[in-house]
Amino acid sequence: MGSATGAMERRKLEIPDAPPATGQVVPKMVLSAKTVVNPPTESLLEYSVSNAAPIAGLLCEFVLELHAKKRFEDALIVAKLYRKLQPAEPTGFYNEALMLFHLGRHDEASNVLMWAPAAVWELPQYHHNMACIQVAKGNVTEGLKHATAAARQNKNALRAMLKDPDLRPIWAALKRDTRGIH
């Protein structure tokens, strides 16, 4: 899949020459994913940041922006950085696996989720994602096992999976195997 060609909006941060007079309001610059033109490079993944939470929130927003623009390679780089900053957060694993999935790198996507902390494996989203990956790889039986596990954990997950076009090949079997959960 190709990258989006449209340029993202960039705002310029202007710093006043002198502090404002008492009572004068200075507008604040709010940094968001829309203010960033290019994603960080792979080399940034080696840096350590002590106060990662605010940066991670911005990176998560940036991943969503890039995903919406179908810039999956760029979003993958940002998702890896997010995961480096927040290694215990499931979101980083899910985002990285999702971008790999969109890029057709299903084995890598599966490995990312399999190496996630055990707490991630207990969430319905893990099983939903693994079901999509397995179905894409042609492992329909394994995909159905993961989808059924997610459905048994959360009926809202079942509803989402029955709308997920990636799981279309197992919809009938999933409905059959989860009767009574709807």
Protein backbone atom coordinates (compact mmCIF):
# COMPACT_ATOMS: atom_id res chain seq x y z
CA MET A 1 0.00 0.00 0.00
CA GLY A 2 1.31 3.42 -0.86
CA SER A 3 1.83 6.41 1.37
CA ALA A 4 -0.50 9.37 1.35
CA THR A 5 0.87 12.21 -0.76
CA GLY A 6 -0.86 15.11 0.98
CA ALA A 7 1.35 17.21 3.22
CA MET A 8 0.36 17.40 6.86
CA GLU A 9 -0.31 20.80 8.40
CA ARG A 10 2.67 22.41 10.09
CA ARG A 11 2.42 25.24 12.58
CA LYS A 12 5.32 27.48 13.48
CA LEU A 13 6.04 28.08 17.14
CA GLU A 14 6.77 31.76 17.63
CA ILE A 15 8.74 32.78 20.70
CA PRO A 16 8.31 36.38 21.85
CA ASP A 17 11.44 38.54 22.17
CA ALA A 18 10.57 39.65 25.68
CA PRO A 19 8.30 38.35 28.43
CA PRO A 20 4.74 39.69 28.21
CA ALA A 21 3.63 42.63 30.27
CA THR A 22 1.70 41.81 33.43
CA GLY A 23 -1.81 40.68 32.61
CA GLN A 24 -1.08 40.07 28.92
CA VAL A 25 -2.18 36.69 27.62
CA VAL A 26 0.28 34.68 25.55
CA PRO A 27 -1.31 32.06 23.30
CA LYS A 28 -0.06 28.53 23.94
CA MET A 29 1.09 26.22 21.19
CA VAL A 30 -0.52 22.81 21.44
CA LEU A 31 1.63 20.13 19.90
CA SER A 32 -0.36 17.48 18.12
CA ALA A 33 0.17 14.87 15.46
CA LYS A 34 -1.07 17.36 12.88
CA THR A 35 1.87 19.69 13.63
CA VAL A 36 4.45 17.08 12.71
CA VAL A 37 5.39 16.81 9.05
CA ASN A 38 7.57 13.71 9.07
CA PRO A 39 7.60 10.79 11.50
CA PRO A 40 10.71 10.06 13.55
CA THR A 41 13.31 7.85 11.95
CA GLU A 42 14.14 4.34 13.10
CA SER A 43 17.30 5.68 14.83
CA LEU A 44 15.12 7.51 17.37
CA LEU A 45 14.04 4.13 18.74
CA GLU A 46 17.37 3.87 20.57
CA TYR A 47 16.79 6.89 22.81
CA SER A 48 15.61 6.58 26.38
CA VAL A 49 13.11 9.06 27.76
CA SER A 50 12.47 9.30 31.48
CA ASN A 51 9.09 11.01 31.24
CA ALA A 52 7.55 8.94 28.46
CA ALA A 53 3.80 9.19 29.11
CA PRO A 54 3.11 12.60 27.49
CA ILE A 55 5.31 11.76 24.52
CA ALA A 56 3.65 8.36 24.18
CA GLY A 57 0.22 9.99 24.07
CA LEU A 58 1.37 12.22 21.22
CA LEU A 59 2.87 9.25 19.40
CA CYS A 60 -0.36 7.29 19.75
CA GLU A 61 -2.26 10.21 18.21
CA PHE A 62 0.32 10.36 15.44
CA VAL A 63 -0.08 6.63 14.70
CA LEU A 64 -3.84 7.15 14.32
CA GLU A 65 -3.29 10.08 11.93
CA LEU A 66 -0.86 8.10 9.78
CA HIS A 67 -3.11 5.03 9.83
CA ALA A 68 -6.05 7.12 8.64
CA LYS A 69 -3.91 8.35 5.75
CA LYS A 70 -2.82 4.76 4.99
CA ARG A 71 0.83 5.65 5.65
CA PHE A 72 1.45 2.26 7.25
CA GLU A 73 5.27 2.24 6.98
CA ASP A 74 5.46 5.61 8.75
CA ALA A 75 2.89 4.54 11.33
CA LEU A 76 4.91 1.38 12.00
CA ILE A 77 8.00 3.42 12.89
CA VAL A 78 5.99 5.59 15.28
CA ALA A 79 4.25 2.53 16.78
CA LYS A 80 7.66 0.95 17.48
CA LEU A 81 8.78 4.12 19.23
CA TYR A 82 5.58 4.18 21.28
CA ARG A 83 6.18 0.57 22.32
CA LYS A 84 9.75 1.45 23.36
CA LEU A 85 8.45 4.26 25.56
CA GLN A 86 5.52 2.30 27.02
CA PRO A 87 6.60 -1.38 26.99
CA ALA A 88 3.85 -2.51 29.38
CA GLU A 89 0.99 -0.87 27.46
CA PRO A 90 -1.04 -3.14 25.16
CA THR A 91 -1.70 -0.27 22.73
CA GLY A 92 1.89 -0.28 21.49
CA PHE A 93 1.79 -3.97 20.66
CA TYR A 94 -1.61 -3.69 18.99
CA ASN A 95 -0.62 -0.68 16.89
CA GLU A 96 2.65 -2.24 15.76
CA ALA A 97 0.94 -5.52 14.87
CA LEU A 98 -1.83 -3.66 13.05
CA MET A 99 0.61 -1.75 10.86
CA LEU A 100 2.52 -4.96 10.06
CA PHE A 101 -0.80 -6.61 9.23
CA HIS A 102 -1.69 -3.79 6.81
CA LEU A 103 1.72 -4.18 5.20
CA GLY A 104 1.06 -7.90 4.66
CA ARG A 105 3.79 -8.89 7.12
CA HIS A 106 1.57 -11.36 8.98
CA ASP A 107 4.31 -13.49 10.56
CA GLU A 108 5.95 -10.39 12.04
CA ALA A 109 2.58 -9.13 13.30
CA SER A 110 1.96 -12.47 14.98
CA ASN A 111 5.41 -12.42 16.58
CA VAL A 112 4.87 -8.92 17.98
CA LEU A 113 1.72 -10.08 19.74
CA MET A 114 3.21 -13.39 20.88
CA TRP A 115 6.13 -11.53 22.53
CA ALA A 116 3.81 -9.10 24.29
CA PRO A 117 3.58 -9.32 28.10
CA ALA A 118 1.30 -12.12 29.32
CA ALA A 119 -1.25 -9.56 30.57
CA VAL A 120 -1.86 -8.53 26.94
CA TRP A 121 -2.74 -12.12 26.01
CA GLU A 122 -5.67 -12.06 28.42
CA LEU A 123 -7.44 -9.20 26.62
CA PRO A 124 -10.12 -9.76 23.97
CA GLN A 125 -8.32 -7.38 21.59
CA TYR A 126 -5.30 -9.71 21.56
CA HIS A 127 -7.45 -12.63 20.41
CA HIS A 128 -9.30 -10.47 17.89
CA ASN A 129 -6.01 -9.32 16.37
CA MET A 130 -4.56 -12.83 16.36
CA ALA A 131 -7.73 -14.12 14.70
CA CYS A 132 -7.31 -11.58 11.89
CA ILE A 133 -3.66 -12.48 11.45
CA GLN A 134 -4.32 -16.22 11.42
CA VAL A 135 -7.19 -15.92 8.94
CA ALA A 136 -5.00 -13.75 6.67
CA LYS A 137 -2.29 -16.45 6.83
CA GLY A 138 -4.87 -19.07 5.85
CA ASN A 139 -5.00 -20.67 9.31
CA VAL A 140 -8.79 -20.50 9.56
CA THR A 141 -9.04 -23.05 12.40
CA GLU A 142 -6.52 -21.18 14.53
CA GLY A 143 -8.22 -17.88 13.70
CA LEU A 144 -11.58 -19.26 14.81
CA LYS A 145 -10.06 -20.40 18.13
CA HIS A 146 -8.79 -16.89 18.83
CA ALA A 147 -12.05 -15.25 17.73
CA THR A 148 -14.07 -17.60 19.94
CA ALA A 149 -11.78 -16.85 22.91
CA ALA A 150 -12.29 -13.10 22.41
CA ALA A 151 -16.07 -13.56 22.12
CA ARG A 152 -16.22 -15.57 25.33
CA GLN A 153 -14.32 -12.82 27.14
CA ASN A 154 -16.49 -9.98 25.89
CA LYS A 155 -19.73 -9.94 23.89
CA ASN A 156 -18.82 -6.51 22.48
CA ALA A 157 -15.72 -8.14 20.98
CA LEU A 158 -18.01 -10.64 19.27
CA ARG A 159 -20.06 -7.82 17.76
CA ALA A 160 -16.90 -6.12 16.51
CA MET A 161 -15.53 -9.32 15.00
CA LEU A 162 -18.80 -10.02 13.19
CA LYS A 163 -18.35 -6.64 11.48
CA ASP A 164 -14.62 -7.03 10.78
CA PRO A 165 -14.16 -7.77 7.06
CA ASP A 166 -10.81 -9.45 7.79
CA LEU A 167 -12.76 -12.16 9.63
CA ARG A 168 -15.44 -12.66 6.96
CA PRO A 169 -14.19 -16.23 6.21
CA ILE A 170 -15.04 -17.32 9.76
CA TRP A 171 -18.22 -15.32 10.45
CA ALA A 172 -20.59 -18.30 10.03
CA ALA A 173 -18.44 -20.61 12.17
CA LEU A 174 -17.97 -17.88 14.79
CA LYS A 175 -21.74 -17.33 15.03
CA ARG A 176 -22.24 -21.09 15.39
CA ASP A 177 -19.52 -21.51 18.04
CA THR A 178 -20.68 -18.55 20.12
CA ARG A 179 -24.44 -19.13 20.25
CA GLY A 180 -25.82 -17.74 23.45
CA ILE A 181 -23.24 -14.94 23.70
CA HIS A 182 -24.95 -12.50 21.28
